[in-house]
Amino acid sequence: MGFARLWRYLVHRLGRMPGTPYSIAAGFACGAAASFTPLIGFHFILAGLFAWAIRANILASAIGTVIGNPWTFPFIWLWIYKVGGWIMGAPEDGPPPQLTFDMVVGIISGETLGQSLEVLVTMMVGGLLTGAGVWVLFYLPLSGMIHGYRARKIQRRADAVARKSARDRLLEGQVSEQGAGSR
């Protein structure tokens, strides 16, 4: 499945959800922003809490966490580590530490400290700043897309009613002409 097809599917899915365009777009944006934290396993919870706090759609926030997936996590982690290091003034010489799933789980469970905790704090700082930007980056276009999707849907329904009404008038006129000719 290509990314364009996936994006069209998500827009259709989000456009059909109950709720205001604000709540749906904000909910999805909350899920996308939560994906930019290093707290694996907590993205659904973080997205749901954030969506609840700003009165956004919680189901849309769960869908929004699809932005963070096994293909995007390595890039996300590297990005938030670099941004966090830049903000915290960490030296840029040398490669970032080897990030593994075991390391992240060890940090979350508290088994490993020291450099691991420093990496987690750096990634959290970078993740929070990046998450705020990602929220805006997803909210603005999605809000417009959902408004447009719903406006087109209303227009299609109005056009269908108008066509049916015109067809009914045409059939009614044909029936009355046939009735007048048989007298």
N, C-alpha and C. Protein backbone atom coordinates (compact mmCIF):
# COMPACT_ATOMS: atom_id res chain seq x y z
N MET A 1 0.86 -1.17 0.00
CA MET A 1 0.00 0.00 0.00
C MET A 1 0.90 1.23 0.00
N GLY A 2 0.68 2.12 -0.94
CA GLY A 2 1.48 3.33 -1.01
C GLY A 2 1.06 4.35 0.04
N PHE A 3 1.96 5.31 0.28
CA PHE A 3 1.66 6.33 1.28
C PHE A 3 0.49 7.21 0.86
N ALA A 4 0.35 7.50 -0.45
CA ALA A 4 -0.77 8.32 -0.91
C ALA A 4 -2.10 7.62 -0.66
N ARG A 5 -2.12 6.32 -0.91
CA ARG A 5 -3.35 5.57 -0.69
C ARG A 5 -3.66 5.50 0.81
N LEU A 6 -2.65 5.29 1.63
CA LEU A 6 -2.83 5.27 3.07
C LEU A 6 -3.36 6.62 3.56
N TRP A 7 -2.80 7.70 3.05
CA TRP A 7 -3.23 9.04 3.46
C TRP A 7 -4.69 9.27 3.06
N ARG A 8 -5.07 8.87 1.83
CA ARG A 8 -6.48 9.01 1.40
C ARG A 8 -7.41 8.21 2.31
N TYR A 9 -6.98 7.00 2.67
CA TYR A 9 -7.79 6.18 3.56
C TYR A 9 -7.96 6.87 4.91
N LEU A 10 -6.88 7.41 5.45
CA LEU A 10 -6.97 8.09 6.75
C LEU A 10 -7.88 9.31 6.68
N VAL A 11 -7.80 10.07 5.58
CA VAL A 11 -8.67 11.24 5.44
C VAL A 11 -10.13 10.80 5.37
N HIS A 12 -10.43 9.75 4.60
CA HIS A 12 -11.81 9.24 4.55
C HIS A 12 -12.25 8.75 5.91
N ARG A 13 -11.39 8.02 6.59
CA ARG A 13 -11.73 7.47 7.90
C ARG A 13 -11.97 8.60 8.90
N LEU A 14 -11.10 9.59 8.89
CA LEU A 14 -11.25 10.70 9.82
C LEU A 14 -12.46 11.58 9.46
N GLY A 15 -12.71 11.76 8.16
CA GLY A 15 -13.84 12.58 7.73
C GLY A 15 -15.17 11.99 8.11
N ARG A 16 -15.24 10.67 8.22
CA ARG A 16 -16.49 10.00 8.57
C ARG A 16 -16.70 9.85 10.06
N MET A 17 -15.69 10.19 10.86
CA MET A 17 -15.82 10.05 12.31
C MET A 17 -16.82 11.07 12.85
N PRO A 18 -17.55 10.69 13.88
CA PRO A 18 -18.43 11.67 14.51
C PRO A 18 -17.62 12.69 15.30
N GLY A 19 -18.06 13.90 15.28
CA GLY A 19 -17.38 14.96 16.02
C GLY A 19 -17.10 16.14 15.11
N THR A 20 -16.64 17.20 15.72
CA THR A 20 -16.33 18.40 14.96
C THR A 20 -14.99 18.23 14.26
N PRO A 21 -14.78 18.97 13.18
CA PRO A 21 -13.46 18.90 12.54
C PRO A 21 -12.33 19.25 13.50
N TYR A 22 -12.58 20.19 14.42
CA TYR A 22 -11.54 20.53 15.41
C TYR A 22 -11.18 19.31 16.24
N SER A 23 -12.20 18.63 16.80
CA SER A 23 -11.89 17.53 17.72
C SER A 23 -11.20 16.38 17.00
N ILE A 24 -11.57 16.12 15.77
CA ILE A 24 -10.96 15.01 15.03
C ILE A 24 -9.52 15.36 14.64
N ALA A 25 -9.33 16.54 14.07
CA ALA A 25 -7.98 16.94 13.66
C ALA A 25 -7.06 17.10 14.86
N ALA A 26 -7.57 17.68 15.94
CA ALA A 26 -6.75 17.85 17.15
C ALA A 26 -6.42 16.49 17.77
N GLY A 27 -7.37 15.57 17.74
CA GLY A 27 -7.11 14.23 18.27
C GLY A 27 -6.02 13.52 17.49
N PHE A 28 -6.10 13.55 16.16
CA PHE A 28 -5.07 12.92 15.34
C PHE A 28 -3.72 13.58 15.60
N ALA A 29 -3.72 14.89 15.70
CA ALA A 29 -2.47 15.62 15.95
C ALA A 29 -1.89 15.24 17.32
N CYS A 30 -2.75 14.98 18.30
CA CYS A 30 -2.27 14.53 19.61
C CYS A 30 -1.57 13.18 19.50
N GLY A 31 -2.14 12.28 18.71
CA GLY A 31 -1.52 10.98 18.51
C GLY A 31 -0.19 11.09 17.80
N ALA A 32 -0.13 11.94 16.79
CA ALA A 32 1.13 12.13 16.06
C ALA A 32 2.18 12.74 16.98
N ALA A 33 1.79 13.72 17.79
CA ALA A 33 2.74 14.36 18.71
C ALA A 33 3.23 13.37 19.77
N ALA A 34 2.34 12.52 20.26
CA ALA A 34 2.75 11.53 21.27
C ALA A 34 3.75 10.54 20.70
N SER A 35 3.68 10.31 19.39
CA SER A 35 4.63 9.39 18.75
C SER A 35 6.05 9.93 18.77
N PHE A 36 6.22 11.21 19.03
CA PHE A 36 7.54 11.82 19.05
C PHE A 36 8.11 11.89 20.47
N THR A 37 7.63 11.02 21.34
CA THR A 37 8.24 10.87 22.65
C THR A 37 8.95 9.52 22.67
N PRO A 38 9.98 9.38 23.49
CA PRO A 38 10.69 8.10 23.53
C PRO A 38 10.01 7.05 24.40
N LEU A 39 8.83 7.34 24.89
CA LEU A 39 8.14 6.44 25.82
C LEU A 39 7.33 5.39 25.08
N ILE A 40 8.02 4.41 24.56
CA ILE A 40 7.36 3.36 23.79
C ILE A 40 6.43 2.58 24.72
N GLY A 41 5.28 2.27 24.20
CA GLY A 41 4.29 1.55 24.99
C GLY A 41 3.31 2.47 25.69
N PHE A 42 3.63 3.74 25.73
CA PHE A 42 2.76 4.71 26.39
C PHE A 42 2.17 5.72 25.41
N HIS A 43 2.41 5.53 24.13
CA HIS A 43 1.93 6.50 23.14
C HIS A 43 0.41 6.60 23.14
N PHE A 44 -0.29 5.46 23.20
CA PHE A 44 -1.75 5.50 23.22
C PHE A 44 -2.25 6.25 24.45
N ILE A 45 -1.65 5.96 25.59
CA ILE A 45 -2.08 6.60 26.84
C ILE A 45 -1.79 8.10 26.80
N LEU A 46 -0.58 8.46 26.38
CA LEU A 46 -0.23 9.89 26.29
C LEU A 46 -1.15 10.61 25.31
N ALA A 47 -1.38 10.00 24.15
CA ALA A 47 -2.24 10.63 23.14
C ALA A 47 -3.65 10.79 23.67
N GLY A 48 -4.17 9.76 24.33
CA GLY A 48 -5.52 9.83 24.88
C GLY A 48 -5.65 10.89 25.96
N LEU A 49 -4.66 10.97 26.85
CA LEU A 49 -4.70 11.98 27.91
C LEU A 49 -4.62 13.40 27.34
N PHE A 50 -3.73 13.58 26.38
CA PHE A 50 -3.59 14.90 25.76
C PHE A 50 -4.87 15.27 25.02
N ALA A 51 -5.45 14.32 24.29
CA ALA A 51 -6.71 14.59 23.57
C ALA A 51 -7.83 14.90 24.55
N TRP A 52 -7.90 14.16 25.64
CA TRP A 52 -8.92 14.41 26.64
C TRP A 52 -8.75 15.80 27.25
N ALA A 53 -7.50 16.20 27.50
CA ALA A 53 -7.23 17.50 28.12
C ALA A 53 -7.66 18.66 27.23
N ILE A 54 -7.56 18.51 25.92
CA ILE A 54 -7.94 19.63 25.03
C ILE A 54 -9.29 19.37 24.36
N ARG A 55 -10.04 18.41 24.88
CA ARG A 55 -11.39 18.08 24.39
C ARG A 55 -11.39 17.68 22.92
N ALA A 56 -10.43 16.85 22.58
CA ALA A 56 -10.32 16.35 21.21
C ALA A 56 -10.82 14.90 21.19
N ASN A 57 -10.93 14.35 20.00
CA ASN A 57 -11.44 13.00 19.80
C ASN A 57 -10.36 11.99 20.22
N ILE A 58 -10.67 11.16 21.19
CA ILE A 58 -9.69 10.21 21.72
C ILE A 58 -9.43 9.08 20.73
N LEU A 59 -10.46 8.64 20.01
CA LEU A 59 -10.25 7.60 19.00
C LEU A 59 -9.33 8.11 17.88
N ALA A 60 -9.51 9.36 17.47
CA ALA A 60 -8.64 9.94 16.45
C ALA A 60 -7.21 10.03 16.96
N SER A 61 -7.04 10.25 18.26
CA SER A 61 -5.67 10.30 18.81
C SER A 61 -5.02 8.93 18.73
N ALA A 62 -5.79 7.87 18.92
CA ALA A 62 -5.24 6.52 18.78
C ALA A 62 -4.83 6.25 17.34
N ILE A 63 -5.64 6.72 16.41
CA ILE A 63 -5.30 6.55 14.99
C ILE A 63 -4.05 7.36 14.66
N GLY A 64 -3.90 8.52 15.26
CA GLY A 64 -2.75 9.39 15.00
C GLY A 64 -1.42 8.79 15.43
N THR A 65 -1.46 7.83 16.35
CA THR A 65 -0.19 7.24 16.79
C THR A 65 0.42 6.35 15.70
N VAL A 66 -0.30 6.15 14.60
CA VAL A 66 0.25 5.37 13.49
C VAL A 66 1.47 6.06 12.88
N ILE A 67 1.63 7.34 13.14
CA ILE A 67 2.80 8.08 12.65
C ILE A 67 4.09 7.47 13.21
N GLY A 68 4.02 7.04 14.45
CA GLY A 68 5.17 6.35 15.04
C GLY A 68 5.02 4.86 14.83
N ASN A 69 5.87 4.29 14.04
CA ASN A 69 5.81 2.86 13.73
C ASN A 69 7.24 2.34 13.57
N PRO A 70 7.40 1.05 13.44
CA PRO A 70 8.78 0.52 13.37
C PRO A 70 9.63 1.11 12.25
N TRP A 71 9.04 1.60 11.20
CA TRP A 71 9.81 2.19 10.11
C TRP A 71 10.23 3.62 10.42
N THR A 72 9.41 4.33 11.19
CA THR A 72 9.73 5.74 11.46
C THR A 72 10.44 5.96 12.79
N PHE A 73 10.34 5.02 13.73
CA PHE A 73 10.95 5.24 15.04
C PHE A 73 12.45 5.52 14.99
N PRO A 74 13.25 4.81 14.21
CA PRO A 74 14.68 5.14 14.22
C PRO A 74 14.95 6.60 13.81
N PHE A 75 14.22 7.09 12.82
CA PHE A 75 14.40 8.48 12.39
C PHE A 75 13.90 9.45 13.44
N ILE A 76 12.75 9.12 14.04
CA ILE A 76 12.19 9.97 15.09
C ILE A 76 13.15 10.05 16.27
N TRP A 77 13.66 8.91 16.71
CA TRP A 77 14.56 8.90 17.88
C TRP A 77 15.84 9.68 17.60
N LEU A 78 16.40 9.49 16.43
CA LEU A 78 17.61 10.24 16.10
C LEU A 78 17.32 11.74 16.07
N TRP A 79 16.20 12.11 15.46
CA TRP A 79 15.83 13.52 15.37
C TRP A 79 15.64 14.13 16.76
N ILE A 80 14.84 13.47 17.62
CA ILE A 80 14.56 14.07 18.93
C ILE A 80 15.81 14.07 19.80
N TYR A 81 16.71 13.11 19.61
CA TYR A 81 17.96 13.13 20.36
C TYR A 81 18.82 14.32 19.93
N LYS A 82 18.89 14.56 18.62
CA LYS A 82 19.68 15.69 18.10
C LYS A 82 19.08 17.02 18.56
N VAL A 83 17.75 17.14 18.47
CA VAL A 83 17.10 18.40 18.89
C VAL A 83 17.28 18.61 20.38
N GLY A 84 17.08 17.56 21.18
CA GLY A 84 17.27 17.66 22.62
C GLY A 84 18.69 18.03 22.98
N GLY A 85 19.65 17.43 22.29
CA GLY A 85 21.06 17.76 22.53
C GLY A 85 21.38 19.19 22.17
N TRP A 86 20.79 19.66 21.09
CA TRP A 86 21.00 21.05 20.67
C TRP A 86 20.43 22.01 21.71
N ILE A 87 19.23 21.71 22.21
CA ILE A 87 18.59 22.58 23.21
C ILE A 87 19.36 22.57 24.53
N MET A 88 19.81 21.39 24.93
CA MET A 88 20.49 21.26 26.22
C MET A 88 21.98 21.60 26.14
N GLY A 89 22.46 21.90 24.95
CA GLY A 89 23.84 22.30 24.78
C GLY A 89 24.82 21.14 24.86
N ALA A 90 24.38 19.96 24.50
CA ALA A 90 25.27 18.79 24.52
C ALA A 90 26.27 18.90 23.38
N PRO A 91 27.48 18.42 23.57
CA PRO A 91 28.46 18.47 22.49
C PRO A 91 28.02 17.59 21.33
N GLU A 92 28.27 18.07 20.13
CA GLU A 92 27.84 17.35 18.94
C GLU A 92 28.92 16.44 18.39
N ASP A 93 30.10 16.42 19.03
CA ASP A 93 31.15 15.54 18.52
C ASP A 93 30.87 14.11 18.98
N GLY A 94 31.00 13.23 18.07
CA GLY A 94 30.75 11.82 18.38
C GLY A 94 29.35 11.41 18.00
N PRO A 95 29.18 10.14 17.73
CA PRO A 95 27.86 9.65 17.33
C PRO A 95 26.92 9.58 18.53
N PRO A 96 25.62 9.57 18.26
CA PRO A 96 24.68 9.40 19.37
C PRO A 96 24.83 7.99 19.95
N PRO A 97 24.42 7.78 21.17
CA PRO A 97 24.55 6.45 21.75
C PRO A 97 23.70 5.44 20.97
N GLN A 98 24.11 4.20 21.06
CA GLN A 98 23.38 3.13 20.38
C GLN A 98 22.03 2.96 21.07
N LEU A 99 20.95 3.35 20.40
CA LEU A 99 19.62 3.22 20.97
C LEU A 99 19.03 1.87 20.58
N THR A 100 18.69 1.10 21.57
CA THR A 100 18.05 -0.18 21.32
C THR A 100 16.75 -0.24 22.10
N PHE A 101 15.90 -1.16 21.72
CA PHE A 101 14.64 -1.33 22.42
C PHE A 101 14.89 -1.72 23.88
N ASP A 102 15.88 -2.59 24.11
CA ASP A 102 16.21 -3.00 25.47
C ASP A 102 16.66 -1.82 26.32
N MET A 103 17.39 -0.89 25.69
CA MET A 103 17.86 0.29 26.42
C MET A 103 16.68 1.16 26.84
N VAL A 104 15.74 1.36 25.92
CA VAL A 104 14.56 2.19 26.23
C VAL A 104 13.72 1.53 27.32
N VAL A 105 13.53 0.20 27.22
CA VAL A 105 12.77 -0.51 28.25
C VAL A 105 13.50 -0.44 29.58
N GLY A 106 14.81 -0.56 29.56
CA GLY A 106 15.60 -0.45 30.79
C GLY A 106 15.50 0.91 31.42
N ILE A 107 15.45 1.95 30.59
CA ILE A 107 15.31 3.31 31.11
C ILE A 107 13.96 3.48 31.77
N ILE A 108 12.92 3.02 31.07
CA ILE A 108 11.56 3.18 31.59
C ILE A 108 11.37 2.40 32.88
N SER A 109 11.91 1.19 32.93
CA SER A 109 11.74 0.36 34.13
C SER A 109 12.68 0.78 35.26
N GLY A 110 13.68 1.60 34.96
CA GLY A 110 14.60 2.07 35.99
C GLY A 110 15.77 1.14 36.24
N GLU A 111 15.96 0.14 35.37
CA GLU A 111 17.06 -0.81 35.56
C GLU A 111 18.42 -0.18 35.26
N THR A 112 18.47 0.68 34.25
CA THR A 112 19.74 1.29 33.88
C THR A 112 19.64 2.79 34.12
N LEU A 113 20.67 3.34 34.70
CA LEU A 113 20.68 4.78 34.96
C LEU A 113 21.96 5.35 34.37
N GLY A 114 22.36 6.50 34.80
CA GLY A 114 23.59 7.10 34.30
C GLY A 114 23.39 7.67 32.92
N GLN A 115 24.17 7.16 31.96
CA GLN A 115 24.09 7.67 30.59
C GLN A 115 22.69 7.44 30.00
N SER A 116 22.08 6.34 30.38
CA SER A 116 20.74 6.03 29.86
C SER A 116 19.73 7.10 30.28
N LEU A 117 19.79 7.52 31.53
CA LEU A 117 18.88 8.55 32.00
C LEU A 117 19.16 9.88 31.30
N GLU A 118 20.43 10.17 31.07
CA GLU A 118 20.79 11.39 30.35
C GLU A 118 20.23 11.37 28.92
N VAL A 119 20.31 10.20 28.28
CA VAL A 119 19.77 10.05 26.93
C VAL A 119 18.25 10.23 26.95
N LEU A 120 17.59 9.64 27.96
CA LEU A 120 16.13 9.76 28.05
C LEU A 120 15.71 11.21 28.23
N VAL A 121 16.39 11.93 29.11
CA VAL A 121 16.06 13.34 29.34
C VAL A 121 16.29 14.15 28.06
N THR A 122 17.40 13.90 27.40
CA THR A 122 17.68 14.60 26.15
C THR A 122 16.61 14.33 25.11
N MET A 123 16.21 13.06 25.01
CA MET A 123 15.17 12.70 24.03
C MET A 123 13.82 13.28 24.41
N MET A 124 13.50 13.34 25.70
CA MET A 124 12.22 13.91 26.14
C MET A 124 12.15 15.40 25.81
N VAL A 125 13.25 16.11 26.05
CA VAL A 125 13.28 17.54 25.73
C VAL A 125 13.09 17.74 24.23
N GLY A 126 13.83 16.98 23.43
CA GLY A 126 13.68 17.07 21.98
C GLY A 126 12.32 16.62 21.52
N GLY A 127 11.77 15.59 22.17
CA GLY A 127 10.46 15.07 21.80
C GLY A 127 9.34 16.04 22.11
N LEU A 128 9.43 16.73 23.23
CA LEU A 128 8.37 17.68 23.58
C LEU A 128 8.35 18.86 22.61
N LEU A 129 9.52 19.38 22.29
CA LEU A 129 9.58 20.50 21.35
C LEU A 129 9.13 20.06 19.96
N THR A 130 9.65 18.93 19.51
CA THR A 130 9.27 18.42 18.19
C THR A 130 7.80 18.06 18.16
N GLY A 131 7.29 17.46 19.24
CA GLY A 131 5.88 17.09 19.31
C GLY A 131 4.96 18.29 19.17
N ALA A 132 5.34 19.42 19.75
CA ALA A 132 4.53 20.63 19.60
C ALA A 132 4.48 21.07 18.14
N GLY A 133 5.62 21.02 17.47
CA GLY A 133 5.64 21.37 16.05
C GLY A 133 4.86 20.38 15.20
N VAL A 134 4.97 19.10 15.52
CA VAL A 134 4.25 18.06 14.79
C VAL A 134 2.75 18.23 14.98
N TRP A 135 2.33 18.60 16.19
CA TRP A 135 0.90 18.81 16.45
C TRP A 135 0.36 19.87 15.48
N VAL A 136 1.03 20.99 15.38
CA VAL A 136 0.59 22.06 14.47
C VAL A 136 0.66 21.59 13.02
N LEU A 137 1.73 20.89 12.69
CA LEU A 137 1.93 20.40 11.32
C LEU A 137 0.81 19.46 10.87
N PHE A 138 0.27 18.68 11.77
CA PHE A 138 -0.83 17.78 11.41
C PHE A 138 -2.19 18.42 11.59
N TYR A 139 -2.37 19.24 12.62
CA TYR A 139 -3.69 19.82 12.89
C TYR A 139 -4.16 20.73 11.76
N LEU A 140 -3.32 21.65 11.32
CA LEU A 140 -3.76 22.64 10.33
C LEU A 140 -4.24 22.01 9.01
N PRO A 141 -3.46 21.14 8.36
CA PRO A 141 -3.97 20.56 7.12
C PRO A 141 -5.15 19.61 7.34
N LEU A 142 -5.13 18.83 8.42
CA LEU A 142 -6.23 17.90 8.65
C LEU A 142 -7.53 18.63 8.91
N SER A 143 -7.48 19.70 9.65
CA SER A 143 -8.69 20.47 9.92
C SER A 143 -9.30 20.96 8.60
N GLY A 144 -8.47 21.51 7.73
CA GLY A 144 -8.95 21.95 6.42
C GLY A 144 -9.47 20.80 5.57
N MET A 145 -8.77 19.67 5.61
CA MET A 145 -9.20 18.51 4.82
C MET A 145 -10.55 17.98 5.31
N ILE A 146 -10.74 17.93 6.61
CA ILE A 146 -12.00 17.41 7.15
C ILE A 146 -13.13 18.38 6.84
N HIS A 147 -12.88 19.68 6.96
CA HIS A 147 -13.90 20.67 6.57
C HIS A 147 -14.27 20.48 5.11
N GLY A 148 -13.28 20.37 4.23
CA GLY A 148 -13.51 20.19 2.80
C GLY A 148 -14.22 18.89 2.50
N TYR A 149 -13.82 17.80 3.16
CA TYR A 149 -14.44 16.49 2.96
C TYR A 149 -15.92 16.56 3.29
N ARG A 150 -16.23 17.16 4.41
CA ARG A 150 -17.65 17.25 4.82
C ARG A 150 -18.44 18.20 3.93
N ALA A 151 -17.83 19.28 3.48
CA ALA A 151 -18.53 20.21 2.58
C ALA A 151 -18.83 19.52 1.25
N ARG A 152 -17.86 18.75 0.72
CA ARG A 152 -18.10 18.01 -0.53
C ARG A 152 -19.18 16.96 -0.34
N LYS A 153 -19.21 16.32 0.80
CA LYS A 153 -20.23 15.31 1.08
C LYS A 153 -21.62 15.95 1.12
N ILE A 154 -21.74 17.10 1.75
CA ILE A 154 -23.02 17.82 1.79
C ILE A 154 -23.42 18.25 0.39
N GLN A 155 -22.46 18.74 -0.39
CA GLN A 155 -22.75 19.17 -1.76
C GLN A 155 -23.20 18.00 -2.62
N ARG A 156 -22.55 16.84 -2.48
CA ARG A 156 -22.96 15.65 -3.25
C ARG A 156 -24.38 15.24 -2.90
N ARG A 157 -24.73 15.29 -1.62
CA ARG A 157 -26.09 14.95 -1.20
C ARG A 157 -27.10 15.95 -1.78
N ALA A 158 -26.77 17.24 -1.75
CA ALA A 158 -27.67 18.26 -2.30
C ALA A 158 -27.84 18.07 -3.80
N ASP A 159 -26.73 17.74 -4.50
CA ASP A 159 -26.82 17.49 -5.94
C ASP A 159 -27.67 16.27 -6.24
N ALA A 160 -27.54 15.23 -5.42
CA ALA A 160 -28.34 14.02 -5.63
C ALA A 160 -29.82 14.31 -5.41
N VAL A 161 -30.15 15.11 -4.41
CA VAL A 161 -31.55 15.48 -4.16
C VAL A 161 -32.08 16.32 -5.32
N ALA A 162 -31.26 17.24 -5.82
CA ALA A 162 -31.68 18.08 -6.94
C ALA A 162 -31.91 17.24 -8.19
N ARG A 163 -31.03 16.27 -8.46
CA ARG A 163 -31.21 15.39 -9.62
C ARG A 163 -32.47 14.55 -9.48
N LYS A 164 -32.71 14.04 -8.28
CA LYS A 164 -33.91 13.23 -8.05
C LYS A 164 -35.16 14.08 -8.22
N SER A 165 -35.13 15.30 -7.72
CA SER A 165 -36.27 16.20 -7.85
C SER A 165 -36.53 16.53 -9.32
N ALA A 166 -35.48 16.80 -10.08
CA ALA A 166 -35.64 17.10 -11.51
C ALA A 166 -36.17 15.88 -12.25
N ARG A 167 -35.66 14.70 -11.91
CA ARG A 167 -36.13 13.47 -12.54
C ARG A 167 -37.60 13.23 -12.21
N ASP A 168 -37.99 13.48 -10.97
CA ASP A 168 -39.40 13.31 -10.57
C ASP A 168 -40.30 14.29 -11.32
N ARG A 169 -39.85 15.54 -11.48
CA ARG A 169 -40.66 16.53 -12.22
C ARG A 169 -40.79 16.12 -13.69
N LEU A 170 -39.70 15.63 -14.25
CA LEU A 170 -39.73 15.19 -15.64
C LEU A 170 -40.69 14.01 -15.82
N LEU A 171 -40.60 13.04 -14.92
CA LEU A 171 -41.51 11.90 -15.00
C LEU A 171 -42.95 12.32 -14.77
N GLU A 172 -43.18 13.25 -13.88
CA GLU A 172 -44.52 13.75 -13.61
C GLU A 172 -45.08 14.45 -14.84
N GLY A 173 -44.23 15.21 -15.53
CA GLY A 173 -44.67 15.89 -16.75
C GLY A 173 -45.00 14.90 -17.85
N GLN A 174 -44.22 13.82 -17.97
CA GLN A 174 -44.49 12.80 -18.99
C GLN A 174 -45.79 12.07 -18.69
N VAL A 175 -46.03 11.80 -17.42
CA VAL A 175 -47.27 11.10 -17.05
C VAL A 175 -48.47 11.99 -17.33
N SER A 176 -48.39 13.29 -17.04
CA SER A 176 -49.53 14.18 -17.27
C SER A 176 -49.76 14.37 -18.77
N GLU A 177 -48.69 14.38 -19.59
CA GLU A 177 -48.86 14.49 -21.04
C GLU A 177 -49.53 13.23 -21.58
N GLN A 178 -49.15 12.07 -21.10
CA GLN A 178 -49.76 10.85 -21.55
C GLN A 178 -51.22 10.80 -21.14
N GLY A 179 -51.53 11.28 -19.97
CA GLY A 179 -52.92 11.29 -19.49
C GLY A 179 -53.77 12.26 -20.30
N ALA A 180 -53.22 13.41 -20.71
CA ALA A 180 -53.96 14.39 -21.49
C ALA A 180 -54.19 13.91 -22.90
N GLY A 181 -53.25 13.16 -23.48
CA GLY A 181 -53.38 12.67 -24.85
C GLY A 181 -54.37 11.54 -24.96
N SER A 182 -54.66 10.81 -23.91
CA SER A 182 -55.57 9.68 -24.00
C SER A 182 -57.02 10.09 -23.83
N ARG A 183 -57.30 11.33 -23.50
CA ARG A 183 -58.69 11.75 -23.34
C ARG A 183 -59.34 12.02 -24.59
